[in-house]
Amino acid sequence: GILTGVSEKGFNSMTVSWGSVGVLWSKPVVFAFVRPHRYTYEFLEDGEMFSLAIMNKEIHKKMAVFGSKSGRDADKYKESGLTVAYEDGVPYPEEAETVFICKKIANGDIKPSWFIDESIDSDNYPKKDYHRMYIGEITAVLKKV
């Protein structure tokens, strides 16, 4: 998928493969995970809203730029050929199959003490660069028909 953080200074999108959609605290939510060195992290930290777009497999080659280049140095939408669209001021890729528009309601850092299976830590965090988990209440769902 493509996760887009938005704040007063703009927005940035990145590819994500870890996440979930569910119910927490009697609210429909998205769970998204971002490492602190990613540019999108700054927008998620500073902003209140974000989007999570589920993309068709046919789009995956175009998505490569969202995971290989930084928005600090490149216009990922221009380079990929994807189009920015907006819902209530929240950007997302127009080509998405499904988009969750979310309001950030909680976040927290993954900690090594969480892992009962210690191989999760060694397999996924050799640099000890633990993700921050963002929980967003889903405020809208957009679906291509």
N, C-alpha and C. Protein backbone atom coordinates (compact mmCIF):
# COMPACT_ATOMS: atom_id res chain seq x y z
N GLY A 1 0.81 -1.18 0.00
CA GLY A 1 0.00 0.00 0.00
C GLY A 1 0.85 1.25 0.00
N ILE A 2 0.21 2.37 -0.07
CA ILE A 2 0.88 3.67 0.02
C ILE A 2 0.29 4.45 1.19
N LEU A 3 1.16 4.80 2.11
CA LEU A 3 0.80 5.58 3.29
C LEU A 3 1.20 7.02 3.04
N THR A 4 0.30 7.95 3.31
CA THR A 4 0.58 9.37 3.11
C THR A 4 0.32 10.12 4.41
N GLY A 5 1.37 10.76 4.91
CA GLY A 5 1.24 11.64 6.06
C GLY A 5 1.08 13.06 5.57
N VAL A 6 0.24 13.83 6.25
CA VAL A 6 -0.02 15.20 5.82
C VAL A 6 0.04 16.12 7.04
N SER A 7 0.72 17.27 6.86
CA SER A 7 0.80 18.27 7.92
C SER A 7 0.74 19.65 7.28
N GLU A 8 0.91 20.67 8.07
CA GLU A 8 0.86 22.04 7.56
C GLU A 8 1.96 22.30 6.52
N LYS A 9 3.07 21.56 6.59
CA LYS A 9 4.17 21.80 5.65
C LYS A 9 4.03 21.01 4.35
N GLY A 10 2.96 20.24 4.20
CA GLY A 10 2.74 19.49 2.97
C GLY A 10 2.40 18.04 3.25
N PHE A 11 2.91 17.15 2.38
CA PHE A 11 2.66 15.72 2.57
C PHE A 11 3.78 14.91 1.96
N ASN A 12 3.85 13.67 2.38
CA ASN A 12 4.78 12.72 1.76
C ASN A 12 4.15 11.33 1.82
N SER A 13 4.41 10.57 0.76
CA SER A 13 3.87 9.21 0.64
C SER A 13 5.01 8.21 0.59
N MET A 14 4.75 7.02 1.11
CA MET A 14 5.73 5.93 1.09
C MET A 14 5.01 4.60 0.95
N THR A 15 5.73 3.60 0.45
CA THR A 15 5.14 2.27 0.40
C THR A 15 5.18 1.65 1.79
N VAL A 16 4.18 0.84 2.07
CA VAL A 16 4.12 0.09 3.33
C VAL A 16 3.63 -1.32 3.03
N SER A 17 4.12 -2.25 3.82
CA SER A 17 3.62 -3.62 3.69
C SER A 17 3.15 -4.16 5.04
N TRP A 18 3.45 -3.46 6.10
CA TRP A 18 2.99 -3.85 7.42
C TRP A 18 1.84 -2.94 7.82
N GLY A 19 0.79 -3.52 8.34
CA GLY A 19 -0.33 -2.73 8.81
C GLY A 19 -1.55 -3.60 8.98
N SER A 20 -2.60 -3.01 9.43
CA SER A 20 -3.82 -3.76 9.67
C SER A 20 -5.00 -2.81 9.74
N VAL A 21 -6.16 -3.34 9.48
CA VAL A 21 -7.41 -2.62 9.63
C VAL A 21 -8.26 -3.43 10.60
N GLY A 22 -8.90 -2.75 11.54
CA GLY A 22 -9.70 -3.47 12.51
C GLY A 22 -10.53 -2.54 13.37
N VAL A 23 -10.81 -3.00 14.56
CA VAL A 23 -11.60 -2.24 15.52
C VAL A 23 -10.81 -2.16 16.82
N LEU A 24 -10.70 -0.97 17.37
CA LEU A 24 -10.03 -0.75 18.65
C LEU A 24 -10.76 0.38 19.35
N TRP A 25 -11.00 0.21 20.63
CA TRP A 25 -11.69 1.23 21.42
C TRP A 25 -13.04 1.59 20.80
N SER A 26 -13.71 0.58 20.25
CA SER A 26 -15.04 0.73 19.62
C SER A 26 -15.01 1.65 18.40
N LYS A 27 -13.84 1.77 17.77
CA LYS A 27 -13.69 2.61 16.58
C LYS A 27 -13.10 1.78 15.45
N PRO A 28 -13.51 2.06 14.20
CA PRO A 28 -12.83 1.42 13.07
C PRO A 28 -11.47 2.10 12.90
N VAL A 29 -10.40 1.31 12.83
CA VAL A 29 -9.05 1.89 12.81
C VAL A 29 -8.14 1.23 11.79
N VAL A 30 -7.06 1.96 11.49
CA VAL A 30 -5.93 1.47 10.71
C VAL A 30 -4.72 1.51 11.63
N PHE A 31 -3.90 0.47 11.55
CA PHE A 31 -2.61 0.44 12.22
C PHE A 31 -1.54 0.57 11.14
N ALA A 32 -0.66 1.54 11.27
CA ALA A 32 0.41 1.74 10.30
C ALA A 32 1.73 1.85 11.07
N PHE A 33 2.81 1.39 10.44
CA PHE A 33 4.10 1.33 11.10
C PHE A 33 5.15 2.04 10.24
N VAL A 34 5.88 2.98 10.86
CA VAL A 34 6.87 3.78 10.13
C VAL A 34 8.13 3.93 10.98
N ARG A 35 9.28 3.72 10.34
CA ARG A 35 10.56 3.92 11.04
C ARG A 35 10.87 5.42 11.11
N PRO A 36 11.50 5.87 12.20
CA PRO A 36 11.77 7.30 12.39
C PRO A 36 12.61 7.97 11.32
N HIS A 37 13.45 7.24 10.59
CA HIS A 37 14.29 7.88 9.58
C HIS A 37 13.55 8.18 8.28
N ARG A 38 12.34 7.65 8.13
CA ARG A 38 11.58 7.90 6.90
C ARG A 38 11.02 9.33 6.91
N TYR A 39 11.03 9.96 5.76
CA TYR A 39 10.53 11.34 5.63
C TYR A 39 9.05 11.44 6.01
N THR A 40 8.27 10.43 5.66
CA THR A 40 6.84 10.43 5.97
C THR A 40 6.59 10.51 7.48
N TYR A 41 7.52 9.99 8.27
CA TYR A 41 7.43 10.03 9.73
C TYR A 41 7.19 11.46 10.22
N GLU A 42 7.93 12.41 9.64
CA GLU A 42 7.80 13.81 10.06
C GLU A 42 6.37 14.32 9.86
N PHE A 43 5.75 13.94 8.76
CA PHE A 43 4.39 14.39 8.47
C PHE A 43 3.37 13.71 9.38
N LEU A 44 3.61 12.44 9.68
CA LEU A 44 2.72 11.74 10.60
C LEU A 44 2.84 12.31 12.01
N GLU A 45 4.04 12.68 12.39
CA GLU A 45 4.26 13.27 13.72
C GLU A 45 3.59 14.63 13.84
N ASP A 46 3.77 15.46 12.82
CA ASP A 46 3.29 16.84 12.88
C ASP A 46 1.81 16.99 12.54
N GLY A 47 1.27 16.04 11.78
CA GLY A 47 -0.09 16.18 11.29
C GLY A 47 -1.11 15.41 12.10
N GLU A 48 -2.35 15.63 11.73
CA GLU A 48 -3.49 15.01 12.40
C GLU A 48 -4.12 13.91 11.54
N MET A 49 -3.97 14.02 10.22
CA MET A 49 -4.64 13.11 9.29
C MET A 49 -3.61 12.36 8.45
N PHE A 50 -4.02 11.18 7.96
CA PHE A 50 -3.21 10.43 7.01
C PHE A 50 -4.12 9.55 6.17
N SER A 51 -3.56 9.02 5.09
CA SER A 51 -4.32 8.08 4.26
C SER A 51 -3.51 6.81 4.08
N LEU A 52 -4.21 5.72 3.92
CA LEU A 52 -3.61 4.44 3.58
C LEU A 52 -4.34 3.94 2.34
N ALA A 53 -3.59 3.79 1.25
CA ALA A 53 -4.17 3.39 -0.04
C ALA A 53 -3.75 1.96 -0.37
N ILE A 54 -4.73 1.15 -0.71
CA ILE A 54 -4.47 -0.22 -1.15
C ILE A 54 -4.45 -0.19 -2.68
N MET A 55 -3.35 -0.65 -3.24
CA MET A 55 -3.14 -0.54 -4.68
C MET A 55 -3.31 -1.89 -5.37
N ASN A 56 -3.77 -1.86 -6.63
CA ASN A 56 -3.86 -3.07 -7.45
C ASN A 56 -2.46 -3.57 -7.77
N LYS A 57 -2.33 -4.87 -7.98
CA LYS A 57 -1.01 -5.43 -8.32
C LYS A 57 -0.45 -4.85 -9.60
N GLU A 58 -1.31 -4.45 -10.53
CA GLU A 58 -0.84 -3.86 -11.79
C GLU A 58 -0.07 -2.55 -11.56
N ILE A 59 -0.29 -1.92 -10.44
CA ILE A 59 0.32 -0.62 -10.13
C ILE A 59 1.65 -0.80 -9.40
N HIS A 60 1.96 -2.00 -8.94
CA HIS A 60 3.13 -2.20 -8.08
C HIS A 60 4.44 -1.70 -8.68
N LYS A 61 4.64 -1.83 -9.99
CA LYS A 61 5.88 -1.33 -10.60
C LYS A 61 5.96 0.19 -10.48
N LYS A 62 4.83 0.87 -10.67
CA LYS A 62 4.81 2.34 -10.53
C LYS A 62 5.07 2.75 -9.09
N MET A 63 4.70 1.90 -8.14
CA MET A 63 4.86 2.21 -6.72
C MET A 63 6.31 2.15 -6.27
N ALA A 64 7.19 1.52 -7.06
CA ALA A 64 8.57 1.29 -6.62
C ALA A 64 9.26 2.56 -6.17
N VAL A 65 9.01 3.67 -6.84
CA VAL A 65 9.65 4.94 -6.49
C VAL A 65 9.25 5.39 -5.07
N PHE A 66 8.07 5.00 -4.60
CA PHE A 66 7.61 5.41 -3.27
C PHE A 66 8.39 4.70 -2.16
N GLY A 67 9.06 3.60 -2.50
CA GLY A 67 9.85 2.88 -1.52
C GLY A 67 11.35 3.04 -1.72
N SER A 68 11.75 3.56 -2.87
CA SER A 68 13.18 3.63 -3.16
C SER A 68 13.75 5.05 -3.15
N LYS A 69 12.90 6.05 -3.18
CA LYS A 69 13.37 7.44 -3.18
C LYS A 69 12.72 8.20 -2.03
N SER A 70 13.42 9.22 -1.58
CA SER A 70 12.90 10.06 -0.51
C SER A 70 12.17 11.25 -1.10
N GLY A 71 11.05 11.60 -0.48
CA GLY A 71 10.32 12.79 -0.87
C GLY A 71 11.09 14.07 -0.60
N ARG A 72 12.19 13.96 0.15
CA ARG A 72 13.06 15.13 0.37
C ARG A 72 13.73 15.54 -0.94
N ASP A 73 13.96 14.54 -1.82
CA ASP A 73 14.76 14.75 -3.03
C ASP A 73 14.01 14.55 -4.34
N ALA A 74 12.80 14.01 -4.29
CA ALA A 74 12.11 13.64 -5.53
C ALA A 74 10.61 13.89 -5.41
N ASP A 75 9.99 14.15 -6.55
CA ASP A 75 8.53 14.22 -6.64
C ASP A 75 8.07 12.82 -7.04
N LYS A 76 7.71 12.02 -6.06
CA LYS A 76 7.39 10.62 -6.30
C LYS A 76 6.19 10.44 -7.23
N TYR A 77 5.21 11.31 -7.12
CA TYR A 77 4.04 11.18 -7.99
C TYR A 77 4.42 11.45 -9.44
N LYS A 78 5.21 12.48 -9.67
CA LYS A 78 5.64 12.81 -11.03
C LYS A 78 6.47 11.67 -11.62
N GLU A 79 7.42 11.16 -10.83
CA GLU A 79 8.30 10.10 -11.33
C GLU A 79 7.58 8.78 -11.55
N SER A 80 6.56 8.50 -10.75
CA SER A 80 5.85 7.22 -10.86
C SER A 80 4.76 7.23 -11.93
N GLY A 81 4.27 8.42 -12.25
CA GLY A 81 3.13 8.51 -13.16
C GLY A 81 1.79 8.39 -12.45
N LEU A 82 1.82 8.28 -11.12
CA LEU A 82 0.57 8.24 -10.35
C LEU A 82 0.07 9.67 -10.13
N THR A 83 -1.19 9.79 -9.77
CA THR A 83 -1.85 11.09 -9.64
C THR A 83 -2.28 11.33 -8.20
N VAL A 84 -2.02 12.52 -7.68
CA VAL A 84 -2.48 12.88 -6.34
C VAL A 84 -3.94 13.30 -6.41
N ALA A 85 -4.75 12.73 -5.53
CA ALA A 85 -6.14 13.14 -5.36
C ALA A 85 -6.30 13.53 -3.89
N TYR A 86 -7.44 14.17 -3.57
CA TYR A 86 -7.67 14.64 -2.20
C TYR A 86 -9.08 14.30 -1.76
N GLU A 87 -9.20 13.94 -0.50
CA GLU A 87 -10.49 13.75 0.16
C GLU A 87 -10.42 14.53 1.46
N ASP A 88 -11.27 15.55 1.59
CA ASP A 88 -11.26 16.41 2.78
C ASP A 88 -9.85 16.94 3.08
N GLY A 89 -9.10 17.28 2.03
CA GLY A 89 -7.76 17.84 2.18
C GLY A 89 -6.66 16.82 2.42
N VAL A 90 -7.00 15.53 2.44
CA VAL A 90 -6.02 14.48 2.69
C VAL A 90 -5.62 13.86 1.35
N PRO A 91 -4.33 13.90 0.99
CA PRO A 91 -3.89 13.36 -0.29
C PRO A 91 -3.81 11.83 -0.28
N TYR A 92 -3.99 11.26 -1.48
CA TYR A 92 -3.86 9.82 -1.69
C TYR A 92 -3.68 9.60 -3.19
N PRO A 93 -3.17 8.44 -3.60
CA PRO A 93 -3.04 8.16 -5.04
C PRO A 93 -4.40 7.84 -5.66
N GLU A 94 -4.75 8.59 -6.69
CA GLU A 94 -6.04 8.43 -7.35
C GLU A 94 -6.23 7.01 -7.90
N GLU A 95 -5.16 6.33 -8.25
CA GLU A 95 -5.23 5.01 -8.84
C GLU A 95 -5.51 3.89 -7.82
N ALA A 96 -5.63 4.23 -6.55
CA ALA A 96 -5.84 3.23 -5.49
C ALA A 96 -7.16 2.49 -5.67
N GLU A 97 -7.15 1.24 -5.25
CA GLU A 97 -8.36 0.42 -5.26
C GLU A 97 -9.26 0.78 -4.07
N THR A 98 -8.65 0.95 -2.91
CA THR A 98 -9.35 1.31 -1.68
C THR A 98 -8.48 2.30 -0.93
N VAL A 99 -9.10 3.31 -0.34
CA VAL A 99 -8.36 4.30 0.44
C VAL A 99 -9.05 4.49 1.78
N PHE A 100 -8.26 4.45 2.83
CA PHE A 100 -8.75 4.75 4.17
C PHE A 100 -8.23 6.14 4.53
N ILE A 101 -9.14 7.06 4.81
CA ILE A 101 -8.79 8.39 5.31
C ILE A 101 -8.88 8.30 6.83
N CYS A 102 -7.81 8.71 7.50
CA CYS A 102 -7.72 8.46 8.94
C CYS A 102 -7.32 9.69 9.74
N LYS A 103 -7.86 9.75 10.95
CA LYS A 103 -7.46 10.76 11.93
C LYS A 103 -6.60 10.06 12.98
N LYS A 104 -5.40 10.57 13.18
CA LYS A 104 -4.48 9.97 14.15
C LYS A 104 -5.08 10.08 15.55
N ILE A 105 -5.19 8.94 16.24
CA ILE A 105 -5.75 8.96 17.59
C ILE A 105 -4.78 8.42 18.64
N ALA A 106 -3.71 7.74 18.20
CA ALA A 106 -2.72 7.23 19.15
C ALA A 106 -1.47 6.83 18.38
N ASN A 107 -0.35 6.80 19.10
CA ASN A 107 0.88 6.26 18.52
C ASN A 107 1.79 5.79 19.64
N GLY A 108 2.75 4.99 19.27
CA GLY A 108 3.72 4.50 20.25
C GLY A 108 4.83 3.74 19.55
N ASP A 109 5.97 3.68 20.19
CA ASP A 109 7.14 3.03 19.61
C ASP A 109 7.17 1.54 19.95
N ILE A 110 7.51 0.74 18.94
CA ILE A 110 7.73 -0.69 19.16
C ILE A 110 8.92 -0.82 20.10
N LYS A 111 8.84 -1.72 21.06
CA LYS A 111 9.92 -1.92 22.02
C LYS A 111 10.34 -3.39 22.02
N PRO A 112 11.64 -3.66 22.14
CA PRO A 112 12.10 -5.05 22.14
C PRO A 112 11.44 -5.89 23.22
N SER A 113 11.07 -5.28 24.31
CA SER A 113 10.44 -6.03 25.41
C SER A 113 9.07 -6.59 25.03
N TRP A 114 8.50 -6.11 23.93
CA TRP A 114 7.20 -6.62 23.48
C TRP A 114 7.30 -8.03 22.93
N PHE A 115 8.46 -8.43 22.42
CA PHE A 115 8.58 -9.66 21.66
C PHE A 115 8.72 -10.88 22.54
N ILE A 116 7.74 -11.75 22.48
CA ILE A 116 7.83 -13.05 23.13
C ILE A 116 8.73 -13.95 22.29
N ASP A 117 8.55 -13.88 20.97
CA ASP A 117 9.41 -14.59 20.02
C ASP A 117 10.59 -13.67 19.71
N GLU A 118 11.75 -13.93 20.29
CA GLU A 118 12.90 -13.05 20.16
C GLU A 118 13.43 -12.95 18.74
N SER A 119 13.09 -13.92 17.89
CA SER A 119 13.55 -13.86 16.49
C SER A 119 12.91 -12.69 15.74
N ILE A 120 11.76 -12.22 16.20
CA ILE A 120 11.14 -11.06 15.56
C ILE A 120 12.09 -9.87 15.65
N ASP A 121 12.68 -9.67 16.81
CA ASP A 121 13.62 -8.56 17.00
C ASP A 121 14.85 -8.75 16.12
N SER A 122 15.50 -9.89 16.20
CA SER A 122 16.74 -10.10 15.44
C SER A 122 16.50 -10.13 13.94
N ASP A 123 15.38 -10.67 13.49
CA ASP A 123 15.08 -10.76 12.05
C ASP A 123 14.67 -9.42 11.44
N ASN A 124 13.98 -8.60 12.20
CA ASN A 124 13.41 -7.37 11.66
C ASN A 124 14.10 -6.09 12.10
N TYR A 125 14.89 -6.15 13.16
CA TYR A 125 15.50 -4.94 13.70
C TYR A 125 16.99 -5.11 14.00
N PRO A 126 17.78 -5.56 13.02
CA PRO A 126 19.22 -5.70 13.30
C PRO A 126 19.88 -4.36 13.62
N LYS A 127 19.31 -3.24 13.12
CA LYS A 127 19.85 -1.90 13.39
C LYS A 127 19.18 -1.25 14.60
N LYS A 128 18.24 -1.96 15.21
CA LYS A 128 17.50 -1.45 16.38
C LYS A 128 16.73 -0.17 16.04
N ASP A 129 16.29 -0.06 14.79
CA ASP A 129 15.52 1.11 14.33
C ASP A 129 14.03 0.76 14.34
N TYR A 130 13.49 0.70 15.53
CA TYR A 130 12.13 0.25 15.75
C TYR A 130 11.09 1.20 15.16
N HIS A 131 10.05 0.62 14.62
CA HIS A 131 8.95 1.40 14.04
C HIS A 131 8.16 2.13 15.12
N ARG A 132 7.52 3.20 14.70
CA ARG A 132 6.47 3.81 15.50
C ARG A 132 5.15 3.32 14.91
N MET A 133 4.25 2.89 15.78
CA MET A 133 2.92 2.45 15.36
C MET A 133 1.97 3.63 15.48
N TYR A 134 1.25 3.88 14.40
CA TYR A 134 0.22 4.92 14.38
C TYR A 134 -1.13 4.24 14.30
N ILE A 135 -2.04 4.68 15.13
CA ILE A 135 -3.42 4.19 15.09
C ILE A 135 -4.28 5.35 14.62
N GLY A 136 -4.96 5.13 13.50
CA GLY A 136 -5.81 6.16 12.94
C GLY A 136 -7.25 5.72 12.89
N GLU A 137 -8.14 6.56 13.38
CA GLU A 137 -9.56 6.27 13.25
C GLU A 137 -9.97 6.53 11.81
N ILE A 138 -10.63 5.57 11.21
CA ILE A 138 -11.06 5.70 9.83
C ILE A 138 -12.24 6.66 9.77
N THR A 139 -12.06 7.76 9.03
CA THR A 139 -13.13 8.75 8.91
C THR A 139 -13.86 8.63 7.58
N ALA A 140 -13.21 7.97 6.59
CA ALA A 140 -13.84 7.75 5.29
C ALA A 140 -13.15 6.57 4.61
N VAL A 141 -13.92 5.85 3.81
CA VAL A 141 -13.38 4.77 2.98
C VAL A 141 -13.80 5.06 1.54
N LEU A 142 -12.81 5.12 0.66
CA LEU A 142 -13.07 5.35 -0.76
C LEU A 142 -12.79 4.04 -1.49
N LYS A 143 -13.69 3.65 -2.39
CA LYS A 143 -13.55 2.37 -3.08
C LYS A 143 -13.84 2.57 -4.56
N LYS A 144 -12.93 2.09 -5.41
CA LYS A 144 -13.17 2.13 -6.86
C LYS A 144 -14.19 1.07 -7.21
N VAL A 145 -15.10 1.41 -8.09
CA VAL A 145 -16.12 0.44 -8.53
C VAL A 145 -15.95 0.13 -10.00
